[in-house]
């Protein structure tokens, strides 16, 4: 699988975006040799398991230009970096408590020429900024995750859906989400 998989689902991407998506494999392969950012067995499925999976958020929320998005527990940059490629006019802050992972995020963002990504070594709870949306890939149970995000949302809205959390997680979520006001999207 390659960038053709991305084009299949997002045919409107520009040539520059295609080049950026193509370059992701090289950058992550180089970094994965130094730091285990993506499990070695998952590297063969990079486009399907990591990049396209991250871009599933775009099918639910086509972010408006000027939106501010926080990616919590980004690891090596998922879902933030693929989304930053797709939405160059959206501001992405990618945060992780593990410094070596943030080093990878910085290097990959720089290697792709992404001007809309800020990498932060730290914890979401400590951030002072506010965001329209928070994205993440299953870093913890949802009630705990929401505690981390208290006070992190902008009041101003200019996207089609209300500001909030877009959380990629599988499995039976009924018990975890009981009592929470949420909408579930099948990707």
N, C-alpha and C. Protein backbone atom coordinates (compact mmCIF):
# COMPACT_ATOMS: atom_id res chain seq x y z
N UNK A 1 0.85 -1.19 0.00
CA UNK A 1 0.00 0.00 0.00
C UNK A 1 0.89 1.24 0.00
N UNK A 2 0.38 2.27 -0.62
CA UNK A 2 1.15 3.50 -0.69
C UNK A 2 0.21 4.69 -0.72
N UNK A 3 0.73 5.78 -1.23
CA UNK A 3 -0.06 7.01 -1.27
C UNK A 3 -1.31 6.83 -2.14
N UNK A 4 -1.31 5.87 -3.05
CA UNK A 4 -2.50 5.63 -3.88
C UNK A 4 -3.71 5.30 -3.01
N UNK A 5 -3.48 4.68 -1.87
CA UNK A 5 -4.56 4.39 -0.94
C UNK A 5 -5.17 5.68 -0.39
N UNK A 6 -4.32 6.66 -0.11
CA UNK A 6 -4.80 7.95 0.39
C UNK A 6 -5.61 8.64 -0.70
N UNK A 7 -5.09 8.63 -1.93
CA UNK A 7 -5.76 9.28 -3.06
C UNK A 7 -7.13 8.64 -3.31
N UNK A 8 -7.23 7.34 -3.10
CA UNK A 8 -8.51 6.64 -3.29
C UNK A 8 -9.61 7.26 -2.41
N UNK A 9 -9.27 7.58 -1.17
CA UNK A 9 -10.25 8.12 -0.23
C UNK A 9 -10.29 9.65 -0.21
N UNK A 10 -9.20 10.28 -0.65
CA UNK A 10 -9.11 11.74 -0.66
C UNK A 10 -8.60 12.19 -2.03
N UNK A 11 -9.41 12.04 -3.08
CA UNK A 11 -8.95 12.34 -4.44
C UNK A 11 -8.64 13.81 -4.68
N UNK A 12 -9.10 14.68 -3.81
CA UNK A 12 -8.90 16.12 -4.00
C UNK A 12 -7.54 16.63 -3.51
N UNK A 13 -6.69 15.76 -2.96
CA UNK A 13 -5.41 16.27 -2.43
C UNK A 13 -4.53 16.79 -3.56
N UNK A 14 -3.71 17.76 -3.22
CA UNK A 14 -2.83 18.41 -4.19
C UNK A 14 -1.58 17.56 -4.45
N UNK A 15 -0.84 17.93 -5.48
CA UNK A 15 0.42 17.24 -5.77
C UNK A 15 1.39 17.38 -4.60
N UNK A 16 1.42 18.56 -3.99
CA UNK A 16 2.30 18.77 -2.83
C UNK A 16 1.92 17.83 -1.69
N UNK A 17 0.64 17.69 -1.43
CA UNK A 17 0.19 16.78 -0.37
C UNK A 17 0.54 15.33 -0.71
N UNK A 18 0.39 14.94 -1.96
CA UNK A 18 0.78 13.59 -2.38
C UNK A 18 2.26 13.35 -2.08
N UNK A 19 3.09 14.33 -2.42
CA UNK A 19 4.53 14.21 -2.16
C UNK A 19 4.80 14.10 -0.66
N UNK A 20 4.09 14.87 0.13
CA UNK A 20 4.28 14.80 1.59
C UNK A 20 3.86 13.43 2.12
N UNK A 21 2.74 12.91 1.66
CA UNK A 21 2.31 11.57 2.10
C UNK A 21 3.31 10.51 1.65
N UNK A 22 3.86 10.65 0.44
CA UNK A 22 4.86 9.69 -0.04
C UNK A 22 6.12 9.72 0.82
N UNK A 23 6.51 10.91 1.23
CA UNK A 23 7.74 11.08 2.01
C UNK A 23 7.61 10.53 3.44
N UNK A 24 6.39 10.40 3.93
CA UNK A 24 6.18 9.89 5.29
C UNK A 24 6.84 8.53 5.50
N UNK A 25 6.70 7.64 4.54
CA UNK A 25 7.26 6.29 4.70
C UNK A 25 8.77 6.35 4.89
N UNK A 26 9.45 7.13 4.07
CA UNK A 26 10.91 7.26 4.18
C UNK A 26 11.29 7.84 5.54
N UNK A 27 10.62 8.91 5.95
CA UNK A 27 10.95 9.56 7.22
C UNK A 27 10.72 8.63 8.41
N UNK A 28 9.58 7.95 8.43
CA UNK A 28 9.30 7.05 9.55
C UNK A 28 10.21 5.82 9.54
N UNK A 29 10.59 5.34 8.37
CA UNK A 29 11.52 4.21 8.29
C UNK A 29 12.86 4.61 8.89
N UNK A 30 13.36 5.79 8.51
CA UNK A 30 14.64 6.29 9.03
C UNK A 30 14.58 6.44 10.55
N UNK A 31 13.52 7.06 11.05
CA UNK A 31 13.42 7.29 12.49
C UNK A 31 13.16 6.01 13.25
N UNK A 32 12.43 5.09 12.64
CA UNK A 32 12.12 3.84 13.32
C UNK A 32 13.36 2.98 13.53
N UNK A 33 14.38 3.18 12.71
CA UNK A 33 15.65 2.47 12.90
C UNK A 33 16.38 2.97 14.14
N UNK A 34 16.14 4.23 14.52
CA UNK A 34 16.79 4.83 15.69
C UNK A 34 15.95 4.69 16.95
N UNK A 35 14.65 4.92 16.80
CA UNK A 35 13.72 4.93 17.93
C UNK A 35 12.50 4.11 17.51
N UNK A 36 12.07 3.20 18.34
CA UNK A 36 10.90 2.39 17.99
C UNK A 36 9.62 3.21 18.16
N UNK A 37 9.26 3.92 17.08
CA UNK A 37 8.08 4.79 17.10
C UNK A 37 6.84 4.02 16.67
N UNK A 38 7.01 3.19 15.66
CA UNK A 38 5.93 2.34 15.14
C UNK A 38 6.45 0.92 15.23
N UNK A 39 5.61 0.00 15.72
CA UNK A 39 6.10 -1.38 15.85
C UNK A 39 6.64 -1.84 14.51
N UNK A 40 7.74 -2.55 14.54
CA UNK A 40 8.43 -2.98 13.32
C UNK A 40 7.48 -3.74 12.39
N UNK A 41 6.63 -4.59 12.94
CA UNK A 41 5.70 -5.35 12.09
C UNK A 41 4.63 -4.45 11.47
N UNK A 42 4.33 -3.31 12.09
CA UNK A 42 3.34 -2.38 11.55
C UNK A 42 3.88 -1.48 10.44
N UNK A 43 5.18 -1.41 10.28
CA UNK A 43 5.75 -0.55 9.24
C UNK A 43 5.26 -0.96 7.85
N UNK A 44 5.03 -2.25 7.64
CA UNK A 44 4.52 -2.70 6.34
C UNK A 44 3.11 -2.16 6.08
N UNK A 45 2.38 -1.90 7.12
CA UNK A 45 1.02 -1.38 6.99
C UNK A 45 0.91 0.08 7.36
N UNK A 46 2.00 0.84 7.19
CA UNK A 46 2.03 2.24 7.60
C UNK A 46 0.86 3.04 7.03
N UNK A 47 0.63 2.93 5.72
CA UNK A 47 -0.42 3.74 5.10
C UNK A 47 -1.81 3.33 5.58
N UNK A 48 -2.04 2.04 5.69
CA UNK A 48 -3.37 1.57 6.07
C UNK A 48 -3.62 1.68 7.57
N UNK A 49 -2.67 1.23 8.39
CA UNK A 49 -2.88 1.15 9.84
C UNK A 49 -2.66 2.46 10.58
N UNK A 50 -1.86 3.33 10.01
CA UNK A 50 -1.54 4.56 10.74
C UNK A 50 -2.00 5.82 10.01
N UNK A 51 -1.62 5.96 8.74
CA UNK A 51 -1.93 7.20 8.03
C UNK A 51 -3.42 7.27 7.68
N UNK A 52 -3.93 6.26 6.97
CA UNK A 52 -5.34 6.29 6.60
C UNK A 52 -6.24 6.24 7.84
N UNK A 53 -5.85 5.47 8.83
CA UNK A 53 -6.61 5.41 10.09
C UNK A 53 -6.71 6.81 10.70
N UNK A 54 -5.60 7.53 10.73
CA UNK A 54 -5.60 8.90 11.26
C UNK A 54 -6.51 9.81 10.46
N UNK A 55 -6.50 9.64 9.14
CA UNK A 55 -7.29 10.49 8.26
C UNK A 55 -8.78 10.20 8.34
N UNK A 56 -9.16 9.11 8.98
CA UNK A 56 -10.58 8.83 9.19
C UNK A 56 -11.28 9.98 9.89
N UNK A 57 -10.55 10.70 10.73
CA UNK A 57 -11.10 11.87 11.42
C UNK A 57 -11.61 12.90 10.42
N UNK A 58 -10.91 13.05 9.29
CA UNK A 58 -11.29 14.03 8.28
C UNK A 58 -12.62 13.70 7.62
N UNK A 59 -12.99 12.43 7.61
CA UNK A 59 -14.28 12.03 7.03
C UNK A 59 -15.43 12.42 7.95
N UNK A 60 -15.14 12.55 9.23
CA UNK A 60 -16.14 12.95 10.22
C UNK A 60 -16.14 14.46 10.40
N UNK A 61 -14.95 15.07 10.38
CA UNK A 61 -14.82 16.49 10.63
C UNK A 61 -13.86 17.13 9.63
N UNK A 62 -14.40 17.70 8.56
CA UNK A 62 -13.54 18.46 7.64
C UNK A 62 -13.25 19.83 8.26
N UNK A 63 -12.14 19.93 8.99
CA UNK A 63 -11.82 21.14 9.74
C UNK A 63 -11.81 22.38 8.86
N UNK A 64 -12.42 23.45 9.35
CA UNK A 64 -12.39 24.73 8.66
C UNK A 64 -11.02 25.38 8.86
N UNK A 65 -10.60 26.17 7.87
CA UNK A 65 -9.35 26.92 8.00
C UNK A 65 -9.40 27.74 9.29
N UNK A 66 -8.29 27.77 10.00
CA UNK A 66 -8.20 28.53 11.24
C UNK A 66 -8.54 27.74 12.49
N UNK A 67 -9.00 26.50 12.32
CA UNK A 67 -9.30 25.64 13.47
C UNK A 67 -8.01 25.33 14.22
N UNK A 68 -8.11 25.25 15.54
CA UNK A 68 -6.97 24.86 16.38
C UNK A 68 -7.24 23.47 16.94
N UNK A 69 -6.29 22.54 16.67
CA UNK A 69 -6.46 21.14 17.05
C UNK A 69 -5.29 20.70 17.93
N UNK A 70 -5.61 20.02 19.02
CA UNK A 70 -4.61 19.44 19.91
C UNK A 70 -4.62 17.93 19.73
N UNK A 71 -3.45 17.33 19.49
CA UNK A 71 -3.30 15.87 19.40
C UNK A 71 -2.61 15.42 20.68
N UNK A 72 -3.35 14.72 21.54
CA UNK A 72 -2.84 14.29 22.85
C UNK A 72 -2.29 12.88 22.77
N UNK A 73 -1.07 12.69 23.30
CA UNK A 73 -0.44 11.38 23.25
C UNK A 73 -0.09 11.01 21.83
N UNK A 74 0.44 11.96 21.10
CA UNK A 74 0.66 11.82 19.66
C UNK A 74 1.66 10.72 19.29
N UNK A 75 2.51 10.32 20.24
CA UNK A 75 3.53 9.33 19.90
C UNK A 75 4.43 9.90 18.81
N UNK A 76 4.53 9.21 17.70
CA UNK A 76 5.35 9.67 16.58
C UNK A 76 4.63 10.64 15.66
N UNK A 77 3.42 11.05 16.03
CA UNK A 77 2.73 12.05 15.22
C UNK A 77 1.39 11.61 14.64
N UNK A 78 0.76 10.64 15.29
CA UNK A 78 -0.53 10.15 14.79
C UNK A 78 -1.62 10.42 15.81
N UNK A 79 -2.72 11.00 15.39
CA UNK A 79 -3.15 11.30 14.03
C UNK A 79 -2.73 12.67 13.50
N UNK A 80 -2.01 13.46 14.30
CA UNK A 80 -1.74 14.86 13.97
C UNK A 80 -1.02 15.13 12.67
N UNK A 81 0.06 14.42 12.37
CA UNK A 81 0.83 14.74 11.16
C UNK A 81 0.03 14.46 9.89
N UNK A 82 -0.59 13.29 9.73
CA UNK A 82 -1.40 13.11 8.51
C UNK A 82 -2.51 14.17 8.38
N UNK A 83 -3.14 14.53 9.49
CA UNK A 83 -4.17 15.56 9.44
C UNK A 83 -3.59 16.92 9.08
N UNK A 84 -2.39 17.22 9.57
CA UNK A 84 -1.74 18.50 9.25
C UNK A 84 -1.41 18.59 7.76
N UNK A 85 -1.07 17.46 7.15
CA UNK A 85 -0.84 17.45 5.70
C UNK A 85 -2.15 17.75 4.98
N UNK A 86 -3.21 17.10 5.39
CA UNK A 86 -4.50 17.24 4.73
C UNK A 86 -5.12 18.62 4.92
N UNK A 87 -4.86 19.24 6.08
CA UNK A 87 -5.45 20.54 6.42
C UNK A 87 -4.33 21.56 6.68
N UNK A 88 -3.68 22.08 5.64
CA UNK A 88 -2.54 22.99 5.84
C UNK A 88 -2.90 24.33 6.48
N UNK A 89 -4.18 24.70 6.48
CA UNK A 89 -4.60 25.98 7.07
C UNK A 89 -5.17 25.81 8.48
N UNK A 90 -4.96 24.64 9.05
CA UNK A 90 -5.40 24.35 10.42
C UNK A 90 -4.16 24.25 11.29
N UNK A 91 -4.23 24.77 12.50
CA UNK A 91 -3.10 24.76 13.43
C UNK A 91 -3.17 23.51 14.31
N UNK A 92 -2.10 22.71 14.29
CA UNK A 92 -2.04 21.47 15.07
C UNK A 92 -0.95 21.57 16.14
N UNK A 93 -1.31 21.28 17.38
CA UNK A 93 -0.35 21.16 18.47
C UNK A 93 -0.32 19.69 18.85
N UNK A 94 0.85 19.07 18.72
CA UNK A 94 1.02 17.65 19.01
C UNK A 94 1.80 17.53 20.31
N UNK A 95 1.22 16.87 21.30
CA UNK A 95 1.85 16.78 22.61
C UNK A 95 2.03 15.32 23.02
N UNK A 96 3.18 15.05 23.65
CA UNK A 96 3.45 13.72 24.20
C UNK A 96 4.40 13.91 25.38
N UNK A 97 4.26 13.04 26.37
CA UNK A 97 5.10 13.15 27.56
C UNK A 97 6.46 12.49 27.36
N UNK A 98 6.66 11.81 26.24
CA UNK A 98 7.93 11.13 25.97
C UNK A 98 8.73 11.96 24.97
N UNK A 99 9.84 12.51 25.45
CA UNK A 99 10.65 13.44 24.68
C UNK A 99 11.16 12.89 23.36
N UNK A 100 11.59 11.63 23.32
CA UNK A 100 12.14 11.10 22.07
C UNK A 100 11.06 11.00 20.98
N UNK A 101 9.82 10.81 21.38
CA UNK A 101 8.73 10.78 20.39
C UNK A 101 8.48 12.17 19.82
N UNK A 102 8.56 13.18 20.67
CA UNK A 102 8.39 14.55 20.21
C UNK A 102 9.54 14.95 19.29
N UNK A 103 10.72 14.43 19.55
CA UNK A 103 11.86 14.67 18.65
C UNK A 103 11.54 14.15 17.25
N UNK A 104 10.91 12.98 17.17
CA UNK A 104 10.50 12.41 15.88
C UNK A 104 9.45 13.30 15.22
N UNK A 105 8.47 13.75 15.99
CA UNK A 105 7.42 14.63 15.46
C UNK A 105 8.05 15.89 14.86
N UNK A 106 8.99 16.48 15.58
CA UNK A 106 9.66 17.69 15.08
C UNK A 106 10.41 17.41 13.78
N UNK A 107 11.15 16.30 13.75
CA UNK A 107 11.95 15.97 12.56
C UNK A 107 11.06 15.64 11.36
N UNK A 108 10.01 14.88 11.57
CA UNK A 108 9.11 14.52 10.47
C UNK A 108 8.39 15.78 9.96
N UNK A 109 7.91 16.62 10.86
CA UNK A 109 7.24 17.86 10.46
C UNK A 109 8.17 18.74 9.64
N UNK A 110 9.41 18.86 10.11
CA UNK A 110 10.40 19.66 9.39
C UNK A 110 10.72 19.03 8.04
N UNK A 111 10.89 17.72 8.01
CA UNK A 111 11.18 17.02 6.76
C UNK A 111 10.10 17.17 5.72
N UNK A 112 8.87 17.35 6.17
CA UNK A 112 7.73 17.52 5.26
C UNK A 112 7.46 18.99 4.94
N UNK A 113 8.13 19.89 5.66
CA UNK A 113 7.90 21.31 5.46
C UNK A 113 6.57 21.79 6.04
N UNK A 114 6.09 21.11 7.07
CA UNK A 114 4.81 21.49 7.68
C UNK A 114 5.00 22.72 8.57
N UNK A 115 4.30 23.79 8.25
CA UNK A 115 4.38 25.03 9.01
C UNK A 115 3.24 25.14 10.03
N UNK A 116 2.32 24.19 10.00
CA UNK A 116 1.14 24.26 10.85
C UNK A 116 1.19 23.29 12.03
N UNK A 117 2.39 22.78 12.34
CA UNK A 117 2.55 21.83 13.44
C UNK A 117 3.47 22.41 14.51
N UNK A 118 3.02 22.35 15.75
CA UNK A 118 3.84 22.69 16.91
C UNK A 118 3.95 21.43 17.75
N UNK A 119 5.17 21.02 18.05
CA UNK A 119 5.41 19.82 18.87
C UNK A 119 5.72 20.26 20.30
N UNK A 120 5.08 19.60 21.27
CA UNK A 120 5.26 19.96 22.67
C UNK A 120 5.59 18.71 23.48
N UNK A 121 6.70 18.78 24.22
CA UNK A 121 7.05 17.71 25.15
C UNK A 121 6.41 18.08 26.49
N UNK A 122 5.41 17.33 26.88
CA UNK A 122 4.73 17.64 28.13
C UNK A 122 3.42 16.88 28.25
N UNK A 123 2.59 17.36 29.15
CA UNK A 123 1.31 16.71 29.42
C UNK A 123 0.17 17.68 29.08
N UNK A 124 -0.88 17.14 28.52
CA UNK A 124 -2.02 17.96 28.10
C UNK A 124 -2.59 18.77 29.25
N UNK A 125 -2.62 18.18 30.44
CA UNK A 125 -3.20 18.86 31.60
C UNK A 125 -2.50 20.18 31.90
N UNK A 126 -1.24 20.29 31.53
CA UNK A 126 -0.43 21.47 31.87
C UNK A 126 -0.53 22.58 30.82
N UNK A 127 -1.08 22.29 29.65
CA UNK A 127 -1.18 23.30 28.60
C UNK A 127 -2.13 24.42 29.02
N UNK A 128 -1.78 25.64 28.66
CA UNK A 128 -2.63 26.79 28.97
C UNK A 128 -3.54 27.14 27.79
N UNK A 129 -3.12 26.79 26.56
CA UNK A 129 -3.88 27.14 25.36
C UNK A 129 -5.23 26.44 25.32
N UNK A 130 -6.12 27.00 24.49
CA UNK A 130 -7.43 26.40 24.25
C UNK A 130 -7.51 26.01 22.78
N UNK A 131 -8.34 25.01 22.51
CA UNK A 131 -8.43 24.44 21.17
C UNK A 131 -9.90 24.22 20.80
N UNK A 132 -10.14 24.13 19.50
CA UNK A 132 -11.49 23.81 19.02
C UNK A 132 -11.75 22.31 19.13
N UNK A 133 -10.72 21.53 18.81
CA UNK A 133 -10.86 20.07 18.85
C UNK A 133 -9.63 19.44 19.46
N UNK A 134 -9.85 18.30 20.10
CA UNK A 134 -8.76 17.46 20.58
C UNK A 134 -8.91 16.12 19.89
N UNK A 135 -7.81 15.63 19.32
CA UNK A 135 -7.80 14.32 18.66
C UNK A 135 -6.82 13.42 19.40
N UNK A 136 -7.05 12.12 19.28
CA UNK A 136 -6.15 11.17 19.92
C UNK A 136 -6.47 9.77 19.44
N UNK A 137 -5.51 8.87 19.67
CA UNK A 137 -5.70 7.46 19.34
C UNK A 137 -5.58 6.63 20.62
N UNK A 138 -6.69 6.49 21.31
CA UNK A 138 -6.83 5.54 22.43
C UNK A 138 -5.69 5.56 23.44
N UNK A 139 -5.42 6.72 24.02
CA UNK A 139 -4.34 6.80 25.00
C UNK A 139 -4.76 6.36 26.40
N UNK A 140 -6.06 6.43 26.70
CA UNK A 140 -6.57 6.01 28.01
C UNK A 140 -8.09 5.87 27.92
N UNK A 141 -8.71 5.52 29.04
CA UNK A 141 -10.17 5.44 29.10
C UNK A 141 -10.74 6.86 28.93
N UNK A 142 -11.87 6.97 28.25
CA UNK A 142 -12.45 8.27 27.94
C UNK A 142 -12.71 9.14 29.17
N UNK A 143 -13.28 8.65 30.27
CA UNK A 143 -13.49 9.54 31.42
C UNK A 143 -12.19 10.18 31.92
N UNK A 144 -11.12 9.41 31.97
CA UNK A 144 -9.82 9.94 32.39
C UNK A 144 -9.32 10.97 31.37
N UNK A 145 -9.45 10.65 30.10
CA UNK A 145 -9.02 11.55 29.03
C UNK A 145 -9.74 12.90 29.15
N UNK A 146 -11.03 12.86 29.37
CA UNK A 146 -11.80 14.10 29.50
C UNK A 146 -11.35 14.93 30.70
N UNK A 147 -10.94 14.30 31.77
CA UNK A 147 -10.40 15.04 32.94
C UNK A 147 -9.14 15.82 32.54
N UNK A 148 -8.31 15.20 31.70
CA UNK A 148 -7.08 15.87 31.25
C UNK A 148 -7.40 17.14 30.46
N UNK A 149 -8.56 17.16 29.83
CA UNK A 149 -8.89 18.23 28.88
C UNK A 149 -9.74 19.35 29.47
N UNK A 150 -10.00 19.27 30.75
CA UNK A 150 -10.85 20.29 31.38
C UNK A 150 -10.28 21.69 31.13
N UNK A 151 -11.12 22.57 30.62
CA UNK A 151 -10.72 23.95 30.36
C UNK A 151 -9.89 24.15 29.10
N UNK A 152 -9.82 23.16 28.24
CA UNK A 152 -8.96 23.25 27.04
C UNK A 152 -9.71 23.65 25.77
N UNK A 153 -11.02 23.87 25.85
CA UNK A 153 -11.79 24.12 24.63
C UNK A 153 -12.16 25.58 24.45
N UNK A 154 -11.99 26.06 23.21
CA UNK A 154 -12.43 27.40 22.82
C UNK A 154 -13.95 27.46 22.87
N UNK A 155 -14.48 28.60 23.22
CA UNK A 155 -15.94 28.79 23.17
C UNK A 155 -16.38 29.07 21.74
N UNK A 156 -15.55 29.83 21.01
CA UNK A 156 -15.85 30.19 19.62
C UNK A 156 -15.94 28.93 18.75
N UNK A 157 -16.98 28.88 17.93
CA UNK A 157 -17.16 27.74 17.04
C UNK A 157 -17.30 28.22 15.61
N UNK A 158 -16.59 27.56 14.70
CA UNK A 158 -16.81 27.87 13.29
C UNK A 158 -16.67 26.63 12.40
N UNK A 159 -16.82 25.47 13.00
CA UNK A 159 -16.88 24.22 12.25
C UNK A 159 -18.32 23.72 12.27
N UNK A 160 -18.63 22.77 11.41
CA UNK A 160 -20.01 22.28 11.31
C UNK A 160 -20.47 21.52 12.55
N UNK A 161 -19.54 20.96 13.30
CA UNK A 161 -19.88 20.27 14.54
C UNK A 161 -19.34 21.08 15.72
N UNK A 162 -19.93 20.87 16.88
CA UNK A 162 -19.49 21.57 18.09
C UNK A 162 -18.05 21.18 18.43
N UNK A 163 -17.33 22.11 19.02
CA UNK A 163 -15.98 21.84 19.49
C UNK A 163 -16.01 20.62 20.41
N UNK A 164 -14.95 19.82 20.37
CA UNK A 164 -14.93 18.65 21.23
C UNK A 164 -13.80 17.69 20.92
N UNK A 165 -14.02 16.43 21.26
CA UNK A 165 -13.01 15.38 21.16
C UNK A 165 -13.34 14.45 20.00
N UNK A 166 -12.32 14.14 19.20
CA UNK A 166 -12.42 13.13 18.16
C UNK A 166 -11.39 12.06 18.52
N UNK A 167 -11.88 10.94 19.00
CA UNK A 167 -11.04 9.93 19.65
C UNK A 167 -11.14 8.62 18.88
N UNK A 168 -10.02 8.13 18.38
CA UNK A 168 -9.99 6.88 17.62
C UNK A 168 -9.78 5.71 18.57
N UNK A 169 -10.80 4.88 18.68
CA UNK A 169 -10.71 3.75 19.59
C UNK A 169 -11.68 2.67 19.14
N UNK A 170 -11.26 1.44 19.25
CA UNK A 170 -12.12 0.32 18.86
C UNK A 170 -12.61 -0.45 20.05
N UNK A 171 -13.30 -1.54 19.76
CA UNK A 171 -13.79 -2.43 20.81
C UNK A 171 -15.16 -2.04 21.30
N UNK A 172 -15.60 -2.68 22.36
CA UNK A 172 -16.90 -2.42 22.96
C UNK A 172 -16.76 -1.23 23.91
N UNK A 173 -17.32 -0.11 23.51
CA UNK A 173 -17.15 1.13 24.27
C UNK A 173 -18.35 1.47 25.15
N UNK A 174 -19.36 0.62 25.15
CA UNK A 174 -20.61 0.93 25.87
C UNK A 174 -20.37 1.30 27.33
N UNK A 175 -19.64 0.47 28.04
CA UNK A 175 -19.40 0.73 29.46
C UNK A 175 -18.55 1.98 29.66
N UNK A 176 -17.50 2.12 28.86
CA UNK A 176 -16.60 3.26 28.99
C UNK A 176 -17.31 4.58 28.72
N UNK A 177 -18.25 4.59 27.79
CA UNK A 177 -18.92 5.83 27.41
C UNK A 177 -20.24 6.07 28.13
N UNK A 178 -20.63 5.13 28.98
CA UNK A 178 -21.89 5.28 29.72
C UNK A 178 -21.87 6.58 30.52
N UNK A 179 -22.91 7.36 30.38
CA UNK A 179 -23.02 8.61 31.12
C UNK A 179 -22.34 9.79 30.46
N UNK A 180 -21.66 9.58 29.35
CA UNK A 180 -21.01 10.68 28.64
C UNK A 180 -21.88 11.11 27.46
N UNK A 181 -21.91 12.39 27.20
CA UNK A 181 -22.63 12.90 26.03
C UNK A 181 -21.69 12.79 24.84
N UNK A 182 -22.02 11.87 23.92
CA UNK A 182 -21.11 11.65 22.80
C UNK A 182 -21.85 11.12 21.59
N UNK A 183 -21.15 11.17 20.47
CA UNK A 183 -21.64 10.61 19.22
C UNK A 183 -20.56 9.66 18.72
N UNK A 184 -20.95 8.46 18.31
CA UNK A 184 -19.98 7.47 17.84
C UNK A 184 -20.08 7.38 16.33
N UNK A 185 -18.92 7.43 15.67
CA UNK A 185 -18.84 7.31 14.22
C UNK A 185 -18.10 6.03 13.88
N UNK A 186 -18.64 5.25 12.97
CA UNK A 186 -17.95 4.05 12.49
C UNK A 186 -17.08 4.45 11.31
N UNK A 187 -15.79 4.20 11.41
CA UNK A 187 -14.87 4.56 10.31
C UNK A 187 -14.47 3.33 9.53
